[in-house]
C-alpha atoms as a PDB file:
ATOM      1  CA  UNK A   1      11.324 234.077 -19.448  1.00  0.00           C
ATOM      2  CA  UNK A   2      12.936 230.994 -17.925  1.00  0.00           C
ATOM      3  CA  UNK A   3      14.979 231.900 -14.864  1.00  0.00           C
ATOM      4  CA  UNK A   4      17.268 229.386 -13.179  1.00  0.00           C
ATOM      5  CA  UNK A   5      18.735 230.273  -9.785  1.00  0.00           C
ATOM      6  CA  UNK A   6      21.588 228.253  -8.327  1.00  0.00           C
ATOM      7  CA  UNK A   7      20.313 224.784  -9.181  1.00  0.00           C
ATOM      8  CA  UNK A   8      22.245 221.700  -8.209  1.00  0.00           C
ATOM      9  CA  UNK A   9      21.559 217.995  -8.558  1.00  0.00           C
ATOM     10  CA  UNK A  10      23.148 215.197  -6.574  1.00  0.00           C
ATOM     11  CA  UNK A  11      22.688 211.519  -7.225  1.00  0.00           C
ATOM     12  CA  UNK A  12      24.096 209.699  -4.248  1.00  0.00           C
ATOM     13  CA  UNK A  13      27.413 211.360  -3.514  1.00  0.00           C
ATOM     14  CA  UNK A  14      27.934 212.426  -7.123  1.00  0.00           C
ATOM     15  CA  UNK A  15      27.253 216.042  -8.049  1.00  0.00           C
ATOM     16  CA  UNK A  16      25.648 216.088 -11.507  1.00  0.00           C
ATOM     17  CA  UNK A  17      24.768 219.798 -11.731  1.00  0.00           C
ATOM     18  CA  UNK A  18      26.496 222.423  -9.580  1.00  0.00           C
ATOM     19  CA  UNK A  19      25.150 225.887  -8.794  1.00  0.00           C
ATOM     20  CA  UNK A  20      23.792 226.721 -12.271  1.00  0.00           C
ATOM     21  CA  UNK A  21      22.112 230.080 -12.866  1.00  0.00           C
ATOM     22  CA  UNK A  22      20.845 231.196 -16.281  1.00  0.00           C
ATOM     23  CA  UNK A  23      18.212 233.457 -17.760  1.00  0.00           C
ATOM     24  CA  UNK A  24      16.586 232.532 -21.071  1.00  0.00           C
ATOM     25  CA  UNK A  25      14.245 234.864 -22.968  1.00  0.00           C
ATOM     26  CA  UNK A  26      11.527 233.967 -25.438  1.00  0.00           C
ATOM     27  CA  UNK A  27      12.116 234.434 -29.151  1.00  0.00           C
ATOM     28  CA  UNK A  28      15.740 233.381 -28.899  1.00  0.00           C
ATOM     29  CA  UNK A  29      17.636 230.192 -29.663  1.00  0.00           C
ATOM     30  CA  UNK A  30      20.209 229.059 -27.136  1.00  0.00           C
ATOM     31  CA  UNK A  31      22.805 226.375 -27.686  1.00  0.00           C
ATOM     32  CA  UNK A  32      24.283 224.402 -24.824  1.00  0.00           C
ATOM     33  CA  UNK A  33      27.749 223.126 -25.628  1.00  0.00           C
ATOM     34  CA  UNK A  34      29.865 220.758 -23.596  1.00  0.00           C
ATOM     35  CA  UNK A  35      31.682 217.462 -23.636  1.00  0.00           C
ATOM     36  CA  UNK A  36      29.828 214.173 -23.452  1.00  0.00           C
ATOM     37  CA  UNK A  37      28.915 213.528 -19.840  1.00  0.00           C
ATOM     38  CA  UNK A  38      29.133 217.198 -18.846  1.00  0.00           C
ATOM     39  CA  UNK A  39      25.479 217.316 -17.763  1.00  0.00           C
ATOM     40  CA  UNK A  40      23.656 218.909 -20.714  1.00  0.00           C
ATOM     41  CA  UNK A  41      20.939 216.244 -20.828  1.00  0.00           C
ATOM     42  CA  UNK A  42      20.534 216.332 -17.055  1.00  0.00           C
ATOM     43  CA  UNK A  43      20.187 220.109 -17.237  1.00  0.00           C
ATOM     44  CA  UNK A  44      17.386 219.759 -19.819  1.00  0.00           C
ATOM     45  CA  UNK A  45      15.674 217.209 -17.597  1.00  0.00           C
ATOM     46  CA  UNK A  46      15.924 219.568 -14.637  1.00  0.00           C
ATOM     47  CA  UNK A  47      14.754 222.631 -16.606  1.00  0.00           C
ATOM     48  CA  UNK A  48      11.726 220.820 -18.006  1.00  0.00           C
ATOM     49  CA  UNK A  49      10.685 219.354 -14.674  1.00  0.00           C
ATOM     50  CA  UNK A  50      11.328 215.768 -15.740  1.00  0.00           C
ATOM     51  CA  UNK A  51      13.847 215.481 -12.913  1.00  0.00           C
ATOM     52  CA  UNK A  52      13.816 216.941  -9.409  1.00  0.00           C
ATOM     53  CA  UNK A  53      16.686 219.174  -8.391  1.00  0.00           C
ATOM     54  CA  UNK A  54      18.559 218.960  -5.085  1.00  0.00           C
ATOM     55  CA  UNK A  55      18.682 222.717  -4.532  1.00  0.00           C
ATOM     56  CA  UNK A  56      17.930 226.012  -6.231  1.00  0.00           C
ATOM     57  CA  UNK A  57      14.840 227.270  -8.037  1.00  0.00           C
ATOM     58  CA  UNK A  58      13.488 227.341 -11.588  1.00  0.00           C
ATOM     59  CA  UNK A  59      10.902 229.919 -12.665  1.00  0.00           C
ATOM     60  CA  UNK A  60       8.875 230.300 -15.847  1.00  0.00           C
ATOM     61  CA  UNK A  61       7.278 233.726 -16.041  1.00  0.00           C
ATOM     62  CA  UNK A  62       7.388 234.084 -12.241  1.00  0.00           C
ATOM     63  CA  UNK A  63       5.824 230.649 -11.623  1.00  0.00           C
ATOM     64  CA  UNK A  64       8.053 228.253  -9.734  1.00  0.00           C
ATOM     65  CA  UNK A  65       8.670 224.781 -11.111  1.00  0.00           C
ATOM     66  CA  UNK A  66       7.683 221.995  -8.673  1.00  0.00           C
ATOM     67  CA  UNK A  67       5.682 224.513  -6.621  1.00  0.00           C
ATOM     68  CA  UNK A  68       3.262 226.270  -8.998  1.00  0.00           C
ATOM     69  CA  UNK A  69       3.564 223.625 -11.736  1.00  0.00           C
ATOM     70  CA  UNK A  70       4.819 220.053 -11.831  1.00  0.00           C
ATOM     71  CA  UNK A  71       6.546 220.323 -15.218  1.00  0.00           C
ATOM     72  CA  UNK A  72       7.096 223.254 -17.566  1.00  0.00           C
ATOM     73  CA  UNK A  73       3.870 224.178 -19.271  1.00  0.00           C
ATOM     74  CA  UNK A  74       3.612 224.081 -23.045  1.00  0.00           C
ATOM     75  CA  UNK A  75       7.072 222.647 -23.710  1.00  0.00           C
ATOM     76  CA  UNK A  76       8.231 220.503 -26.616  1.00  0.00           C
ATOM     77  CA  UNK A  77      11.224 218.388 -25.738  1.00  0.00           C
ATOM     78  CA  UNK A  78      13.614 215.912 -27.322  1.00  0.00           C
ATOM     79  CA  UNK A  79      15.875 214.075 -24.907  1.00  0.00           C
ATOM     80  CA  UNK A  80      18.002 211.030 -25.676  1.00  0.00           C
ATOM     81  CA  UNK A  81      16.305 207.627 -25.719  1.00  0.00           C
ATOM     82  CA  UNK A  82      12.892 208.737 -26.909  1.00  0.00           C
ATOM     83  CA  UNK A  83      10.170 206.622 -25.385  1.00  0.00           C
ATOM     84  CA  UNK A  84       7.913 206.006 -28.353  1.00  0.00           C
ATOM     85  CA  UNK A  85       6.046 202.752 -28.775  1.00  0.00           C
ATOM     86  CA  UNK A  86       8.168 200.480 -31.017  1.00  0.00           C
ATOM     87  CA  UNK A  87       5.214 198.571 -32.495  1.00  0.00           C
ATOM     88  CA  UNK A  88       3.263 201.688 -33.577  1.00  0.00           C
ATOM     89  CA  UNK A  89       3.848 203.729 -36.721  1.00  0.00           C
ATOM     90  CA  UNK A  90       5.265 207.217 -36.347  1.00  0.00           C
ATOM     91  CA  UNK A  91       1.843 208.700 -37.113  1.00  0.00           C
ATOM     92  CA  UNK A  92       0.085 206.477 -34.561  1.00  0.00           C
ATOM     93  CA  UNK A  93       2.666 207.333 -31.895  1.00  0.00           C
ATOM     94  CA  UNK A  94       2.047 211.045 -32.441  1.00  0.00           C
ATOM     95  CA  UNK A  95      -1.721 210.533 -32.614  1.00  0.00           C
ATOM     96  CA  UNK A  96      -1.653 208.802 -29.229  1.00  0.00           C
ATOM     97  CA  UNK A  97       0.536 211.520 -27.705  1.00  0.00           C
ATOM     98  CA  UNK A  98      -1.752 214.233 -29.095  1.00  0.00           C
ATOM     99  CA  UNK A  99      -4.621 212.816 -27.052  1.00  0.00           C
ATOM    100  CA  UNK A 100      -2.852 213.786 -23.821  1.00  0.00           C
ATOM    101  CA  UNK A 101      -3.311 217.537 -24.298  1.00  0.00           C
ATOM    102  CA  UNK A 102      -6.095 217.403 -26.907  1.00  0.00           C
ATOM    103  CA  UNK A 103      -4.651 220.446 -28.695  1.00  0.00           C
ATOM    104  CA  UNK A 104      -4.232 219.095 -32.222  1.00  0.00           C
ATOM    105  CA  UNK A 105      -5.396 216.434 -34.639  1.00  0.00           C
ATOM    106  CA  UNK A 106      -4.987 217.310 -38.309  1.00  0.00           C
ATOM    107  CA  UNK A 107      -1.698 219.074 -37.582  1.00  0.00           C
ATOM    108  CA  UNK A 108       0.028 215.705 -37.040  1.00  0.00           C
ATOM    109  CA  UNK A 109       0.244 214.838 -40.755  1.00  0.00           C
ATOM    110  CA  UNK A 110       1.566 218.300 -41.647  1.00  0.00           C
ATOM    111  CA  UNK A 111       4.181 218.108 -38.907  1.00  0.00           C
ATOM    112  CA  UNK A 112       5.405 214.688 -40.046  1.00  0.00           C
ATOM    113  CA  UNK A 113       5.796 216.033 -43.586  1.00  0.00           C
ATOM    114  CA  UNK A 114       7.531 219.127 -42.187  1.00  0.00           C
ATOM    115  CA  UNK A 115      10.308 216.978 -40.679  1.00  0.00           C
ATOM    116  CA  UNK A 116      10.751 215.078 -43.944  1.00  0.00           C
ATOM    117  CA  UNK A 117       8.774 211.893 -43.283  1.00  0.00           C
ATOM    118  CA  UNK A 118       5.707 210.300 -44.840  1.00  0.00           C
ATOM    119  CA  UNK A 119       2.680 210.275 -42.503  1.00  0.00           C
ATOM    120  CA  UNK A 120       1.293 207.269 -44.404  1.00  0.00           C
ATOM    121  CA  UNK A 121       4.388 205.127 -43.815  1.00  0.00           C
ATOM    122  CA  UNK A 122       3.093 201.826 -42.388  1.00  0.00           C
ATOM    123  CA  UNK A 123       6.413 200.737 -40.884  1.00  0.00           C
ATOM    124  CA  UNK A 124       6.543 200.551 -37.113  1.00  0.00           C
ATOM    125  CA  UNK A 125       8.794 202.917 -35.180  1.00  0.00           C
ATOM    126  CA  UNK A 126      11.168 200.041 -34.363  1.00  0.00           C
ATOM    127  CA  UNK A 127      11.813 199.579 -38.114  1.00  0.00           C
ATOM    128  CA  UNK A 128      12.713 203.228 -38.642  1.00  0.00           C
ATOM    129  CA  UNK A 129      16.323 204.153 -39.298  1.00  0.00           C
ATOM    130  CA  UNK A 130      18.075 206.211 -36.615  1.00  0.00           C
ATOM    131  CA  UNK A 131      17.577 209.357 -38.709  1.00  0.00           C
ATOM    132  CA  UNK A 132      13.861 208.647 -39.133  1.00  0.00           C
ATOM    133  CA  UNK A 133      13.511 208.080 -35.383  1.00  0.00           C
ATOM    134  CA  UNK A 134      15.201 211.410 -34.744  1.00  0.00           C
ATOM    135  CA  UNK A 135      12.863 213.167 -37.173  1.00  0.00           C
ATOM    136  CA  UNK A 136       9.717 211.688 -35.612  1.00  0.00           C
ATOM    137  CA  UNK A 137      10.739 212.708 -32.088  1.00  0.00           C
ATOM    138  CA  UNK A 138      11.381 216.226 -33.377  1.00  0.00           C
ATOM    139  CA  UNK A 139       7.893 216.139 -34.918  1.00  0.00           C
ATOM    140  CA  UNK A 140       6.564 215.103 -31.510  1.00  0.00           C
ATOM    141  CA  UNK A 141       8.310 218.079 -29.902  1.00  0.00           C
ATOM    142  CA  UNK A 142       6.978 220.689 -32.350  1.00  0.00           C
ATOM    143  CA  UNK A 143       3.531 219.324 -33.261  1.00  0.00           C
ATOM    144  CA  UNK A 144       1.603 221.251 -30.587  1.00  0.00           C
ATOM    145  CA  UNK A 145       3.424 224.531 -31.263  1.00  0.00           C
ATOM    146  CA  UNK A 146       5.004 224.771 -27.808  1.00  0.00           C
ATOM    147  CA  UNK A 147       6.122 228.022 -26.222  1.00  0.00           C
ATOM    148  CA  UNK A 148       9.409 226.400 -25.205  1.00  0.00           C
ATOM    149  CA  UNK A 149      11.348 223.946 -27.323  1.00  0.00           C
ATOM    150  CA  UNK A 150      14.222 221.942 -25.802  1.00  0.00           C
ATOM    151  CA  UNK A 151      16.143 219.822 -28.256  1.00  0.00           C
ATOM    152  CA  UNK A 152      18.965 217.672 -26.914  1.00  0.00           C
ATOM    153  CA  UNK A 153      21.303 216.940 -29.832  1.00  0.00           C
ATOM    154  CA  UNK A 154      18.537 217.384 -32.429  1.00  0.00           C
ATOM    155  CA  UNK A 155      20.743 216.572 -35.401  1.00  0.00           C
ATOM    156  CA  UNK A 156      21.984 213.186 -34.126  1.00  0.00           C
ATOM    157  CA  UNK A 157      21.840 210.514 -36.830  1.00  0.00           C
ATOM    158  CA  UNK A 158      20.748 212.992 -39.521  1.00  0.00           C
ATOM    159  CA  UNK A 159      22.389 213.431 -42.898  1.00  0.00           C
ATOM    160  CA  UNK A 160      23.341 216.892 -44.216  1.00  0.00           C
ATOM    161  CA  UNK A 161      19.899 217.427 -45.752  1.00  0.00           C
ATOM    162  CA  UNK A 162      18.217 216.467 -42.482  1.00  0.00           C
ATOM    163  CA  UNK A 163      20.483 218.777 -40.490  1.00  0.00           C
ATOM    164  CA  UNK A 164      19.598 221.717 -42.739  1.00  0.00           C
ATOM    165  CA  UNK A 165      15.911 220.857 -42.497  1.00  0.00           C
ATOM    166  CA  UNK A 166      16.023 220.784 -38.681  1.00  0.00           C
ATOM    167  CA  UNK A 167      17.946 224.074 -38.563  1.00  0.00           C
ATOM    168  CA  UNK A 168      15.256 225.625 -40.766  1.00  0.00           C
ATOM    169  CA  UNK A 169      12.521 224.295 -38.457  1.00  0.00           C
ATOM    170  CA  UNK A 170      14.314 225.721 -35.406  1.00  0.00           C
ATOM    171  CA  UNK A 171      14.475 229.136 -37.084  1.00  0.00           C
ATOM    172  CA  UNK A 172      10.785 228.936 -38.032  1.00  0.00           C
ATOM    173  CA  UNK A 173       9.850 227.969 -34.492  1.00  0.00           C
ATOM    174  CA  UNK A 174      11.859 230.878 -33.113  1.00  0.00           C
ATOM    175  CA  UNK A 175       9.950 233.259 -35.391  1.00  0.00           C
ATOM    176  CA  UNK A 176       6.609 231.757 -34.348  1.00  0.00           C
END
């Protein structure tokens, strides 16, 4: 369970997040809806530990974020402006990232196929279309079978077929 108690975030004098409290349970899919600029991405950054909060507390299974753990453990995340290496192929980007946690190896190819891409594609990430870039960052988020999956606008730049494929993956991940 992810429990958020009265979190706020200020940047300078601007209040980005204000007194947010939520409770999220495992095995469920939650959608966060709001206008552009309403703070959804900042909320994901705060919930994952990628950004410090000004006040409040975030707990994952009774462990406090920034006290008992620096970032959420075992999380897969897609947030705007993915930071993959432009000169590497999609496969090589994921291979490099997989070395951080040393959880997977052969699963990378299967995951790339799962999101509708070719793991043998020799094009560099910078030559990918926007839809291909979105698919590879989703592959990055799911490849290690995380306990928590945070996807910020996961269907951006995808065609109808891609949107359906990502929805199917989200359902499969919920079941897992």
